[in-house]
Amino acid sequence: MKRVIRYIILSIVVFLLFIIFKLYLIERDFFEKASEYEKNKHSVEAFLMYERVILAYIPGSPLISESLDRMEKICGDLKDYDRINCFDSMRSAIYQVRFFYLPYKDRLSRIDEEIIRLKTNQYMKENSMPAQNYNETEKIFRNITEYNPYPSDFWSFLTVVSLFGWFASVTLIVLRGLTEPVNKRVLVIGVMGFFIFFTLWILGLYMA
């Protein structure tokens, strides 16, 4: 039994390493294409390739940080709505790789501030609004930009952990509890674990 468990764990580790390596190759390929586009002054194509680097997300990848730096530079060189849409797309790309946590929060805060400023200025310019309305208009765009429709990180994490917990409890009951003779101690632990983790799972689904 222990040999089977070791084999399963080893297989999972090898599989995860393969996925990470594959994602890195994808990141590198898109990054090289983006760099070539940027070198040839094709900013839109470069931005789209850098965006794909982000979507092939690996935590801590230096290629993603560099891509974000270059995307910010591309956005900064644009004007009016093109600049707003550029930062919006950049912001969206980061949110798309959200899992248990939201990466690059400091950068997102900076992008949000820039989006709020640009939208406020653009709206006031197009509607010929007086300067005294700036704070009120900015507040509106800040509420829109900072609205968070995503589930809670804590409850999402707890939901996933508790799912594995009650699944492991059922596995423990079947493999170690329902033996001949019945292992009452393991059976009791498994049943208690199942009810606790299943309850947390339902609670996490509701609260997230």
N, C-alpha and C. Protein backbone atom coordinates (compact mmCIF):
# COMPACT_ATOMS: atom_id res chain seq x y z
N MET A 1 0.83 -1.21 0.00
CA MET A 1 0.00 0.00 0.00
C MET A 1 0.86 1.26 0.00
N LYS A 2 1.93 1.25 0.85
CA LYS A 2 2.81 2.41 0.91
C LYS A 2 3.50 2.64 -0.43
N ARG A 3 3.85 1.55 -1.10
CA ARG A 3 4.50 1.68 -2.42
C ARG A 3 3.55 2.33 -3.42
N VAL A 4 2.28 1.98 -3.36
CA VAL A 4 1.28 2.56 -4.26
C VAL A 4 1.13 4.05 -4.00
N ILE A 5 1.09 4.43 -2.71
CA ILE A 5 0.96 5.84 -2.35
C ILE A 5 2.16 6.63 -2.83
N ARG A 6 3.38 6.06 -2.63
CA ARG A 6 4.59 6.74 -3.10
C ARG A 6 4.56 6.92 -4.61
N TYR A 7 4.11 5.89 -5.30
CA TYR A 7 4.03 5.95 -6.76
C TYR A 7 3.05 7.03 -7.21
N ILE A 8 1.91 7.13 -6.53
CA ILE A 8 0.90 8.15 -6.88
C ILE A 8 1.46 9.55 -6.65
N ILE A 9 2.11 9.74 -5.47
CA ILE A 9 2.69 11.05 -5.15
C ILE A 9 3.76 11.43 -6.16
N LEU A 10 4.64 10.46 -6.48
CA LEU A 10 5.71 10.71 -7.46
C LEU A 10 5.13 11.06 -8.82
N SER A 11 4.07 10.36 -9.22
CA SER A 11 3.43 10.62 -10.52
C SER A 11 2.84 12.03 -10.56
N ILE A 12 2.21 12.44 -9.44
CA ILE A 12 1.63 13.78 -9.38
C ILE A 12 2.72 14.85 -9.48
N VAL A 13 3.83 14.64 -8.75
CA VAL A 13 4.94 15.60 -8.77
C VAL A 13 5.52 15.71 -10.17
N VAL A 14 5.76 14.57 -10.82
CA VAL A 14 6.31 14.57 -12.18
C VAL A 14 5.36 15.26 -13.15
N PHE A 15 4.06 15.00 -12.99
CA PHE A 15 3.06 15.62 -13.86
C PHE A 15 3.05 17.13 -13.69
N LEU A 16 3.10 17.59 -12.43
CA LEU A 16 3.12 19.03 -12.16
C LEU A 16 4.37 19.69 -12.72
N LEU A 17 5.51 19.04 -12.58
CA LEU A 17 6.76 19.58 -13.12
C LEU A 17 6.69 19.66 -14.65
N PHE A 18 6.07 18.66 -15.26
CA PHE A 18 5.91 18.68 -16.71
C PHE A 18 5.03 19.85 -17.15
N ILE A 19 3.93 20.08 -16.41
CA ILE A 19 3.03 21.19 -16.73
C ILE A 19 3.75 22.52 -16.60
N ILE A 20 4.53 22.68 -15.52
CA ILE A 20 5.28 23.92 -15.31
C ILE A 20 6.29 24.14 -16.42
N PHE A 21 7.00 23.08 -16.79
CA PHE A 21 7.99 23.19 -17.87
C PHE A 21 7.32 23.54 -19.19
N LYS A 22 6.18 22.93 -19.46
CA LYS A 22 5.44 23.21 -20.69
C LYS A 22 4.96 24.65 -20.72
N LEU A 23 4.45 25.15 -19.60
CA LEU A 23 4.01 26.53 -19.52
C LEU A 23 5.17 27.50 -19.72
N TYR A 24 6.33 27.13 -19.17
CA TYR A 24 7.50 28.00 -19.34
C TYR A 24 7.89 28.09 -20.82
N LEU A 25 7.85 26.98 -21.52
CA LEU A 25 8.16 26.99 -22.96
C LEU A 25 7.17 27.85 -23.73
N ILE A 26 5.89 27.77 -23.34
CA ILE A 26 4.86 28.60 -23.98
C ILE A 26 5.13 30.07 -23.69
N GLU A 27 5.42 30.39 -22.42
CA GLU A 27 5.75 31.77 -22.05
C GLU A 27 6.92 32.30 -22.87
N ARG A 28 7.97 31.52 -22.95
CA ARG A 28 9.18 31.95 -23.64
C ARG A 28 8.91 32.18 -25.12
N ASP A 29 8.10 31.30 -25.71
CA ASP A 29 7.78 31.43 -27.13
C ASP A 29 7.00 32.72 -27.40
N PHE A 30 5.97 32.98 -26.59
CA PHE A 30 5.19 34.21 -26.75
C PHE A 30 6.03 35.45 -26.46
N PHE A 31 6.91 35.36 -25.46
CA PHE A 31 7.75 36.50 -25.11
C PHE A 31 8.70 36.85 -26.25
N GLU A 32 9.27 35.84 -26.87
CA GLU A 32 10.19 36.08 -27.99
C GLU A 32 9.45 36.70 -29.18
N LYS A 33 8.23 36.22 -29.43
CA LYS A 33 7.43 36.80 -30.52
C LYS A 33 7.07 38.25 -30.21
N ALA A 34 6.70 38.50 -28.96
CA ALA A 34 6.34 39.86 -28.56
C ALA A 34 7.52 40.80 -28.69
N SER A 35 8.70 40.34 -28.28
CA SER A 35 9.91 41.17 -28.37
C SER A 35 10.22 41.51 -29.82
N GLU A 36 9.99 40.55 -30.70
CA GLU A 36 10.25 40.78 -32.12
C GLU A 36 9.26 41.80 -32.68
N TYR A 37 7.99 41.66 -32.31
CA TYR A 37 6.99 42.64 -32.75
C TYR A 37 7.33 44.04 -32.23
N GLU A 38 7.71 44.12 -30.96
CA GLU A 38 8.03 45.41 -30.37
C GLU A 38 9.25 46.03 -31.05
N LYS A 39 10.20 45.20 -31.40
CA LYS A 39 11.40 45.68 -32.08
C LYS A 39 11.06 46.29 -33.43
N ASN A 40 10.05 45.72 -34.08
CA ASN A 40 9.62 46.20 -35.40
C ASN A 40 8.51 47.25 -35.32
N LYS A 41 8.28 47.79 -34.12
CA LYS A 41 7.31 48.88 -33.90
C LYS A 41 5.87 48.45 -34.12
N HIS A 42 5.58 47.17 -33.95
CA HIS A 42 4.20 46.67 -34.04
C HIS A 42 3.65 46.53 -32.62
N SER A 43 3.23 47.65 -32.06
CA SER A 43 2.87 47.69 -30.63
C SER A 43 1.66 46.84 -30.28
N VAL A 44 0.64 46.84 -31.13
CA VAL A 44 -0.58 46.09 -30.84
C VAL A 44 -0.28 44.60 -30.78
N GLU A 45 0.44 44.11 -31.80
CA GLU A 45 0.78 42.69 -31.84
C GLU A 45 1.67 42.31 -30.66
N ALA A 46 2.60 43.20 -30.32
CA ALA A 46 3.49 42.95 -29.18
C ALA A 46 2.68 42.85 -27.89
N PHE A 47 1.73 43.78 -27.72
CA PHE A 47 0.90 43.78 -26.51
C PHE A 47 0.13 42.47 -26.39
N LEU A 48 -0.45 42.01 -27.49
CA LEU A 48 -1.23 40.77 -27.47
C LEU A 48 -0.37 39.57 -27.12
N MET A 49 0.87 39.54 -27.60
CA MET A 49 1.78 38.45 -27.28
C MET A 49 2.20 38.50 -25.81
N TYR A 50 2.45 39.69 -25.30
CA TYR A 50 2.79 39.83 -23.87
C TYR A 50 1.61 39.39 -23.00
N GLU A 51 0.42 39.68 -23.47
CA GLU A 51 -0.78 39.27 -22.75
C GLU A 51 -0.86 37.75 -22.66
N ARG A 52 -0.46 37.07 -23.72
CA ARG A 52 -0.47 35.60 -23.71
C ARG A 52 0.59 35.04 -22.77
N VAL A 53 1.68 35.77 -22.62
CA VAL A 53 2.70 35.36 -21.65
C VAL A 53 2.08 35.31 -20.26
N ILE A 54 1.30 36.34 -19.93
CA ILE A 54 0.66 36.41 -18.61
C ILE A 54 -0.35 35.27 -18.44
N LEU A 55 -1.10 34.97 -19.49
CA LEU A 55 -2.13 33.93 -19.39
C LEU A 55 -1.53 32.54 -19.22
N ALA A 56 -0.27 32.35 -19.65
CA ALA A 56 0.44 31.09 -19.39
C ALA A 56 1.15 31.22 -18.04
N TYR A 57 0.39 31.50 -17.02
CA TYR A 57 0.92 31.97 -15.73
C TYR A 57 1.68 30.90 -14.96
N ILE A 58 2.89 31.27 -14.54
CA ILE A 58 3.68 30.49 -13.58
C ILE A 58 4.05 31.45 -12.45
N PRO A 59 3.69 31.14 -11.20
CA PRO A 59 4.03 32.04 -10.09
C PRO A 59 5.52 32.36 -10.03
N GLY A 60 5.83 33.65 -9.94
CA GLY A 60 7.21 34.07 -9.81
C GLY A 60 8.00 34.11 -11.10
N SER A 61 7.34 33.89 -12.23
CA SER A 61 8.05 33.88 -13.51
C SER A 61 8.60 35.26 -13.86
N PRO A 62 9.91 35.37 -14.13
CA PRO A 62 10.47 36.67 -14.51
C PRO A 62 9.97 37.16 -15.87
N LEU A 63 9.55 36.23 -16.73
CA LEU A 63 9.04 36.63 -18.05
C LEU A 63 7.72 37.39 -17.91
N ILE A 64 6.91 37.01 -16.92
CA ILE A 64 5.64 37.71 -16.71
C ILE A 64 5.89 39.12 -16.19
N SER A 65 6.80 39.26 -15.23
CA SER A 65 7.11 40.59 -14.70
C SER A 65 7.65 41.51 -15.80
N GLU A 66 8.51 40.97 -16.63
CA GLU A 66 9.07 41.76 -17.73
C GLU A 66 7.99 42.11 -18.74
N SER A 67 7.09 41.17 -19.00
CA SER A 67 6.00 41.43 -19.94
C SER A 67 5.09 42.53 -19.43
N LEU A 68 4.80 42.52 -18.13
CA LEU A 68 3.96 43.56 -17.54
C LEU A 68 4.62 44.92 -17.64
N ASP A 69 5.93 44.96 -17.42
CA ASP A 69 6.66 46.23 -17.55
C ASP A 69 6.55 46.77 -18.97
N ARG A 70 6.71 45.90 -19.93
CA ARG A 70 6.67 46.33 -21.34
C ARG A 70 5.25 46.71 -21.76
N MET A 71 4.26 46.00 -21.22
CA MET A 71 2.87 46.35 -21.53
C MET A 71 2.53 47.74 -20.98
N GLU A 72 3.00 48.03 -19.78
CA GLU A 72 2.77 49.36 -19.21
C GLU A 72 3.39 50.44 -20.08
N LYS A 73 4.57 50.16 -20.59
CA LYS A 73 5.24 51.14 -21.45
C LYS A 73 4.45 51.36 -22.74
N ILE A 74 3.95 50.27 -23.33
CA ILE A 74 3.14 50.38 -24.55
C ILE A 74 1.89 51.20 -24.28
N CYS A 75 1.22 50.90 -23.16
CA CYS A 75 0.00 51.64 -22.80
C CYS A 75 0.30 53.12 -22.57
N GLY A 76 1.44 53.39 -21.93
CA GLY A 76 1.80 54.77 -21.62
C GLY A 76 2.07 55.61 -22.85
N ASP A 77 2.40 54.96 -23.96
CA ASP A 77 2.68 55.68 -25.21
C ASP A 77 1.42 55.99 -26.01
N LEU A 78 0.28 55.45 -25.57
CA LEU A 78 -0.98 55.67 -26.29
C LEU A 78 -1.71 56.87 -25.71
N LYS A 79 -2.81 57.26 -26.36
CA LYS A 79 -3.57 58.42 -25.91
C LYS A 79 -5.06 58.10 -25.87
N ASP A 80 -5.76 58.88 -25.06
CA ASP A 80 -7.21 58.86 -24.99
C ASP A 80 -7.76 57.45 -24.76
N TYR A 81 -8.76 57.06 -25.57
CA TYR A 81 -9.43 55.78 -25.35
C TYR A 81 -8.50 54.60 -25.60
N ASP A 82 -7.56 54.73 -26.51
CA ASP A 82 -6.61 53.64 -26.76
C ASP A 82 -5.81 53.33 -25.49
N ARG A 83 -5.44 54.38 -24.80
CA ARG A 83 -4.67 54.21 -23.56
C ARG A 83 -5.53 53.56 -22.48
N ILE A 84 -6.78 54.01 -22.38
CA ILE A 84 -7.70 53.44 -21.38
C ILE A 84 -7.93 51.95 -21.67
N ASN A 85 -8.24 51.63 -22.93
CA ASN A 85 -8.50 50.25 -23.30
C ASN A 85 -7.27 49.37 -23.09
N CYS A 86 -6.10 49.94 -23.31
CA CYS A 86 -4.86 49.20 -23.13
C CYS A 86 -4.69 48.80 -21.66
N PHE A 87 -4.86 49.75 -20.77
CA PHE A 87 -4.73 49.44 -19.34
C PHE A 87 -5.84 48.51 -18.86
N ASP A 88 -7.04 48.67 -19.41
CA ASP A 88 -8.15 47.77 -19.07
C ASP A 88 -7.81 46.33 -19.47
N SER A 89 -7.24 46.16 -20.65
CA SER A 89 -6.86 44.83 -21.12
C SER A 89 -5.77 44.22 -20.26
N MET A 90 -4.83 45.05 -19.86
CA MET A 90 -3.75 44.60 -19.00
C MET A 90 -4.30 44.16 -17.64
N ARG A 91 -5.20 44.94 -17.11
CA ARG A 91 -5.84 44.62 -15.83
C ARG A 91 -6.62 43.31 -15.93
N SER A 92 -7.34 43.15 -17.03
CA SER A 92 -8.13 41.94 -17.24
C SER A 92 -7.25 40.70 -17.32
N ALA A 93 -6.10 40.83 -17.97
CA ALA A 93 -5.18 39.69 -18.10
C ALA A 93 -4.70 39.21 -16.74
N ILE A 94 -4.41 40.14 -15.85
CA ILE A 94 -3.95 39.76 -14.50
C ILE A 94 -5.08 39.07 -13.74
N TYR A 95 -6.30 39.59 -13.86
CA TYR A 95 -7.42 38.98 -13.15
C TYR A 95 -7.74 37.58 -13.68
N GLN A 96 -7.42 37.32 -14.93
CA GLN A 96 -7.71 36.01 -15.51
C GLN A 96 -6.84 34.90 -14.94
N VAL A 97 -5.70 35.25 -14.36
CA VAL A 97 -4.83 34.22 -13.78
C VAL A 97 -5.04 34.11 -12.27
N ARG A 98 -6.06 34.77 -11.76
CA ARG A 98 -6.39 34.68 -10.34
C ARG A 98 -6.77 33.24 -9.99
N PHE A 99 -6.23 32.75 -8.86
CA PHE A 99 -6.59 31.40 -8.40
C PHE A 99 -6.93 31.50 -6.92
N PHE A 100 -6.06 31.00 -6.02
CA PHE A 100 -6.29 31.17 -4.59
C PHE A 100 -5.96 32.59 -4.14
N TYR A 101 -5.19 33.27 -4.92
CA TYR A 101 -4.81 34.64 -4.58
C TYR A 101 -4.71 35.45 -5.85
N LEU A 102 -4.69 36.76 -5.70
CA LEU A 102 -4.58 37.66 -6.85
C LEU A 102 -3.13 38.15 -6.94
N PRO A 103 -2.41 37.77 -7.98
CA PRO A 103 -1.01 38.19 -8.08
C PRO A 103 -0.87 39.66 -8.51
N TYR A 104 0.30 40.21 -8.24
CA TYR A 104 0.66 41.57 -8.69
C TYR A 104 -0.33 42.62 -8.19
N LYS A 105 -0.68 42.54 -6.91
CA LYS A 105 -1.66 43.49 -6.36
C LYS A 105 -1.15 44.93 -6.39
N ASP A 106 0.14 45.11 -6.12
CA ASP A 106 0.71 46.47 -6.14
C ASP A 106 0.61 47.07 -7.54
N ARG A 107 0.91 46.26 -8.53
CA ARG A 107 0.82 46.75 -9.90
C ARG A 107 -0.62 47.02 -10.29
N LEU A 108 -1.52 46.16 -9.84
CA LEU A 108 -2.94 46.37 -10.13
C LEU A 108 -3.45 47.68 -9.52
N SER A 109 -2.99 47.98 -8.32
CA SER A 109 -3.40 49.23 -7.67
C SER A 109 -2.95 50.42 -8.50
N ARG A 110 -1.74 50.34 -9.02
CA ARG A 110 -1.20 51.42 -9.85
C ARG A 110 -1.99 51.54 -11.16
N ILE A 111 -2.32 50.39 -11.74
CA ILE A 111 -3.11 50.40 -12.99
C ILE A 111 -4.50 50.96 -12.73
N ASP A 112 -5.11 50.54 -11.62
CA ASP A 112 -6.45 51.04 -11.28
C ASP A 112 -6.45 52.56 -11.14
N GLU A 113 -5.45 53.09 -10.46
CA GLU A 113 -5.36 54.54 -10.28
C GLU A 113 -5.24 55.25 -11.62
N GLU A 114 -4.46 54.66 -12.52
CA GLU A 114 -4.29 55.26 -13.84
C GLU A 114 -5.59 55.21 -14.65
N ILE A 115 -6.29 54.09 -14.56
CA ILE A 115 -7.56 53.95 -15.27
C ILE A 115 -8.59 54.95 -14.75
N ILE A 116 -8.67 55.07 -13.43
CA ILE A 116 -9.61 56.02 -12.82
C ILE A 116 -9.30 57.45 -13.27
N ARG A 117 -8.01 57.80 -13.24
CA ARG A 117 -7.60 59.15 -13.64
C ARG A 117 -7.94 59.41 -15.11
N LEU A 118 -7.62 58.45 -15.97
CA LEU A 118 -7.85 58.63 -17.41
C LEU A 118 -9.34 58.73 -17.73
N LYS A 119 -10.13 57.85 -17.13
CA LYS A 119 -11.57 57.86 -17.41
C LYS A 119 -12.23 59.13 -16.88
N THR A 120 -11.79 59.57 -15.70
CA THR A 120 -12.34 60.80 -15.13
C THR A 120 -12.04 61.99 -16.03
N ASN A 121 -10.79 62.11 -16.44
CA ASN A 121 -10.39 63.23 -17.30
C ASN A 121 -11.09 63.19 -18.65
N GLN A 122 -11.21 61.99 -19.23
CA GLN A 122 -11.84 61.84 -20.53
C GLN A 122 -13.33 62.20 -20.46
N TYR A 123 -13.99 61.73 -19.39
CA TYR A 123 -15.42 62.00 -19.22
C TYR A 123 -15.68 63.50 -19.04
N MET A 124 -14.86 64.13 -18.21
CA MET A 124 -15.05 65.56 -17.96
C MET A 124 -14.75 66.38 -19.21
N LYS A 125 -13.77 65.95 -19.98
CA LYS A 125 -13.41 66.66 -21.21
C LYS A 125 -14.53 66.57 -22.23
N GLU A 126 -15.08 65.36 -22.41
CA GLU A 126 -16.11 65.15 -23.42
C GLU A 126 -17.43 65.83 -23.05
N ASN A 127 -17.68 65.96 -21.74
CA ASN A 127 -18.93 66.55 -21.30
C ASN A 127 -18.79 68.01 -20.84
N SER A 128 -17.59 68.56 -21.06
CA SER A 128 -17.32 69.96 -20.71
C SER A 128 -17.74 70.28 -19.28
N MET A 129 -17.34 69.43 -18.37
CA MET A 129 -17.74 69.59 -16.97
C MET A 129 -16.77 70.52 -16.24
N PRO A 130 -17.26 71.30 -15.32
CA PRO A 130 -16.39 72.22 -14.56
C PRO A 130 -15.44 71.46 -13.63
N ALA A 131 -14.33 72.09 -13.27
CA ALA A 131 -13.30 71.44 -12.46
C ALA A 131 -13.82 71.03 -11.09
N GLN A 132 -14.79 71.76 -10.55
CA GLN A 132 -15.29 71.44 -9.21
C GLN A 132 -16.03 70.11 -9.16
N ASN A 133 -16.37 69.57 -10.31
CA ASN A 133 -17.05 68.26 -10.35
C ASN A 133 -16.07 67.09 -10.41
N TYR A 134 -14.78 67.40 -10.37
CA TYR A 134 -13.76 66.36 -10.56
C TYR A 134 -13.86 65.26 -9.50
N ASN A 135 -13.90 65.65 -8.23
CA ASN A 135 -13.91 64.66 -7.14
C ASN A 135 -15.13 63.75 -7.19
N GLU A 136 -16.27 64.33 -7.51
CA GLU A 136 -17.50 63.54 -7.60
C GLU A 136 -17.43 62.55 -8.75
N THR A 137 -16.92 63.03 -9.89
CA THR A 137 -16.79 62.16 -11.06
C THR A 137 -15.76 61.06 -10.80
N GLU A 138 -14.66 61.44 -10.17
CA GLU A 138 -13.62 60.44 -9.86
C GLU A 138 -14.17 59.36 -8.94
N LYS A 139 -14.97 59.74 -7.96
CA LYS A 139 -15.55 58.78 -7.03
C LYS A 139 -16.41 57.75 -7.75
N ILE A 140 -17.15 58.20 -8.75
CA ILE A 140 -18.00 57.29 -9.52
C ILE A 140 -17.15 56.24 -10.24
N PHE A 141 -16.10 56.71 -10.93
CA PHE A 141 -15.25 55.78 -11.66
C PHE A 141 -14.42 54.90 -10.72
N ARG A 142 -14.10 55.41 -9.54
CA ARG A 142 -13.37 54.60 -8.55
C ARG A 142 -14.25 53.46 -8.05
N ASN A 143 -15.52 53.75 -7.78
CA ASN A 143 -16.44 52.70 -7.33
C ASN A 143 -16.62 51.64 -8.39
N ILE A 144 -16.69 52.07 -9.65
CA ILE A 144 -16.86 51.11 -10.75
C ILE A 144 -15.60 50.26 -10.90
N THR A 145 -14.44 50.90 -10.88
CA THR A 145 -13.17 50.19 -11.12
C THR A 145 -12.81 49.25 -9.97
N GLU A 146 -13.07 49.67 -8.75
CA GLU A 146 -12.65 48.89 -7.59
C GLU A 146 -13.70 47.89 -7.13
N TYR A 147 -14.84 47.86 -7.80
CA TYR A 147 -15.85 46.86 -7.45
C TYR A 147 -15.29 45.46 -7.66
N ASN A 148 -15.43 44.60 -6.68
CA ASN A 148 -14.86 43.26 -6.74
C ASN A 148 -15.96 42.21 -6.80
N PRO A 149 -16.22 41.63 -8.00
CA PRO A 149 -17.28 40.63 -8.13
C PRO A 149 -16.79 39.22 -7.84
N TYR A 150 -15.51 39.08 -7.49
CA TYR A 150 -14.92 37.76 -7.35
C TYR A 150 -15.16 37.19 -5.96
N PRO A 151 -15.17 35.86 -5.84
CA PRO A 151 -15.39 35.23 -4.53
C PRO A 151 -14.22 35.49 -3.58
N SER A 152 -14.47 35.31 -2.30
CA SER A 152 -13.46 35.51 -1.27
C SER A 152 -12.31 34.53 -1.44
N ASP A 153 -11.08 35.02 -1.35
CA ASP A 153 -9.91 34.14 -1.45
C ASP A 153 -9.90 33.11 -0.34
N PHE A 154 -10.23 33.55 0.89
CA PHE A 154 -10.20 32.64 2.04
C PHE A 154 -11.21 31.52 1.88
N TRP A 155 -12.45 31.87 1.55
CA TRP A 155 -13.49 30.84 1.45
C TRP A 155 -13.28 29.95 0.23
N SER A 156 -12.73 30.50 -0.83
CA SER A 156 -12.42 29.68 -2.01
C SER A 156 -11.35 28.65 -1.67
N PHE A 157 -10.32 29.09 -0.94
CA PHE A 157 -9.25 28.19 -0.52
C PHE A 157 -9.80 27.11 0.41
N LEU A 158 -10.64 27.53 1.37
CA LEU A 158 -11.22 26.58 2.31
C LEU A 158 -12.10 25.56 1.59
N THR A 159 -12.81 25.99 0.56
CA THR A 159 -13.67 25.09 -0.20
C THR A 159 -12.87 23.99 -0.88
N VAL A 160 -11.76 24.37 -1.50
CA VAL A 160 -10.91 23.39 -2.19
C VAL A 160 -10.28 22.42 -1.19
N VAL A 161 -9.74 22.97 -0.08
CA VAL A 161 -9.10 22.13 0.94
C VAL A 161 -10.11 21.15 1.55
N SER A 162 -11.30 21.64 1.88
CA SER A 162 -12.31 20.78 2.49
C SER A 162 -12.83 19.72 1.50
N LEU A 163 -12.84 20.06 0.21
CA LEU A 163 -13.22 19.07 -0.80
C LEU A 163 -12.25 17.89 -0.79
N PHE A 164 -10.96 18.19 -0.80
CA PHE A 164 -9.96 17.13 -0.72
C PHE A 164 -10.05 16.41 0.63
N GLY A 165 -10.43 17.17 1.69
CA GLY A 165 -10.53 16.57 3.02
C GLY A 165 -11.61 15.52 3.11
N TRP A 166 -12.82 15.84 2.61
CA TRP A 166 -13.88 14.84 2.73
C TRP A 166 -13.69 13.70 1.73
N PHE A 167 -13.04 13.99 0.62
CA PHE A 167 -12.71 12.91 -0.32
C PHE A 167 -11.69 11.95 0.31
N ALA A 168 -10.68 12.53 1.00
CA ALA A 168 -9.67 11.71 1.67
C ALA A 168 -10.29 10.91 2.80
N SER A 169 -11.27 11.51 3.49
CA SER A 169 -11.95 10.81 4.58
C SER A 169 -12.71 9.59 4.07
N VAL A 170 -13.41 9.75 2.96
CA VAL A 170 -14.13 8.62 2.36
C VAL A 170 -13.16 7.53 1.93
N THR A 171 -12.03 7.94 1.35
CA THR A 171 -11.02 6.99 0.93
C THR A 171 -10.46 6.22 2.13
N LEU A 172 -10.23 6.95 3.24
CA LEU A 172 -9.73 6.33 4.47
C LEU A 172 -10.74 5.31 5.01
N ILE A 173 -12.01 5.68 4.98
CA ILE A 173 -13.05 4.76 5.47
C ILE A 173 -13.07 3.48 4.65
N VAL A 174 -13.02 3.62 3.32
CA VAL A 174 -13.12 2.45 2.43
C VAL A 174 -11.88 1.57 2.52
N LEU A 175 -10.70 2.17 2.50
CA LEU A 175 -9.47 1.39 2.42
C LEU A 175 -8.96 0.89 3.77
N ARG A 176 -9.16 1.71 4.84
CA ARG A 176 -8.57 1.34 6.12
C ARG A 176 -9.60 1.03 7.20
N GLY A 177 -10.82 1.54 7.02
CA GLY A 177 -11.84 1.31 8.04
C GLY A 177 -12.68 0.07 7.82
N LEU A 178 -13.12 -0.13 6.58
CA LEU A 178 -13.99 -1.26 6.26
C LEU A 178 -13.16 -2.48 5.88
N THR A 179 -12.34 -2.92 6.82
CA THR A 179 -11.50 -4.09 6.60
C THR A 179 -12.08 -5.28 7.36
N GLU A 180 -11.40 -6.40 7.29
CA GLU A 180 -11.79 -7.59 8.05
C GLU A 180 -10.72 -7.90 9.07
N PRO A 181 -10.95 -7.70 10.36
CA PRO A 181 -12.18 -7.14 10.95
C PRO A 181 -12.23 -5.63 10.78
N VAL A 182 -13.38 -5.05 11.05
CA VAL A 182 -13.56 -3.60 10.91
C VAL A 182 -12.67 -2.87 11.90
N ASN A 183 -11.92 -1.87 11.38
CA ASN A 183 -11.07 -1.04 12.23
C ASN A 183 -11.93 0.11 12.75
N LYS A 184 -12.47 -0.06 13.96
CA LYS A 184 -13.42 0.92 14.50
C LYS A 184 -12.79 2.29 14.70
N ARG A 185 -11.54 2.31 15.15
CA ARG A 185 -10.86 3.58 15.41
C ARG A 185 -10.72 4.40 14.13
N VAL A 186 -10.24 3.75 13.08
CA VAL A 186 -10.08 4.43 11.79
C VAL A 186 -11.44 4.81 11.23
N LEU A 187 -12.42 3.94 11.41
CA LEU A 187 -13.77 4.20 10.90
C LEU A 187 -14.37 5.44 11.55
N VAL A 188 -14.21 5.56 12.87
CA VAL A 188 -14.74 6.72 13.59
C VAL A 188 -14.04 8.00 13.14
N ILE A 189 -12.70 7.94 13.02
CA ILE A 189 -11.94 9.11 12.56
C ILE A 189 -12.36 9.51 11.15
N GLY A 190 -12.54 8.52 10.28
CA GLY A 190 -12.94 8.79 8.90
C GLY A 190 -14.31 9.42 8.81
N VAL A 191 -15.28 8.89 9.61
CA VAL A 191 -16.64 9.42 9.58
C VAL A 191 -16.68 10.85 10.13
N MET A 192 -15.95 11.07 11.23
CA MET A 192 -15.90 12.42 11.80
C MET A 192 -15.24 13.40 10.83
N GLY A 193 -14.15 12.94 10.22
CA GLY A 193 -13.47 13.79 9.23
C GLY A 193 -14.37 14.12 8.06
N PHE A 194 -15.14 13.13 7.62
CA PHE A 194 -16.06 13.35 6.49
C PHE A 194 -17.09 14.42 6.82
N PHE A 195 -17.73 14.29 7.99
CA PHE A 195 -18.77 15.25 8.36
C PHE A 195 -18.20 16.65 8.55
N ILE A 196 -17.00 16.74 9.16
CA ILE A 196 -16.39 18.05 9.39
C ILE A 196 -16.02 18.71 8.06
N PHE A 197 -15.31 17.97 7.22
CA PHE A 197 -14.86 18.54 5.94
C PHE A 197 -16.02 18.78 4.98
N PHE A 198 -17.02 17.90 5.00
CA PHE A 198 -18.17 18.10 4.12
C PHE A 198 -18.95 19.34 4.53
N THR A 199 -19.08 19.54 5.86
CA THR A 199 -19.76 20.74 6.36
C THR A 199 -18.99 22.00 5.96
N LEU A 200 -17.66 21.96 6.10
CA LEU A 200 -16.84 23.11 5.71
C LEU A 200 -16.93 23.36 4.21
N TRP A 201 -17.04 22.29 3.43
CA TRP A 201 -17.14 22.42 1.97
C TRP A 201 -18.43 23.13 1.58
N ILE A 202 -19.54 22.70 2.19
CA ILE A 202 -20.83 23.33 1.91
C ILE A 202 -20.80 24.78 2.36
N LEU A 203 -20.24 25.05 3.55
CA LEU A 203 -20.15 26.40 4.06
C LEU A 203 -19.30 27.28 3.15
N GLY A 204 -18.18 26.70 2.68
CA GLY A 204 -17.29 27.46 1.79
C GLY A 204 -17.96 27.81 0.47
N LEU A 205 -18.73 26.86 -0.08
CA LEU A 205 -19.46 27.12 -1.33
C LEU A 205 -20.48 28.25 -1.14
N TYR A 206 -21.10 28.27 0.03
CA TYR A 206 -22.11 29.29 0.31
C TYR A 206 -21.47 30.65 0.53
N MET A 207 -20.39 30.70 1.31
CA MET A 207 -19.78 31.97 1.69
C MET A 207 -18.92 32.57 0.58
N ALA A 208 -18.35 31.73 -0.26
CA ALA A 208 -17.46 32.27 -1.32
C ALA A 208 -18.23 33.10 -2.31
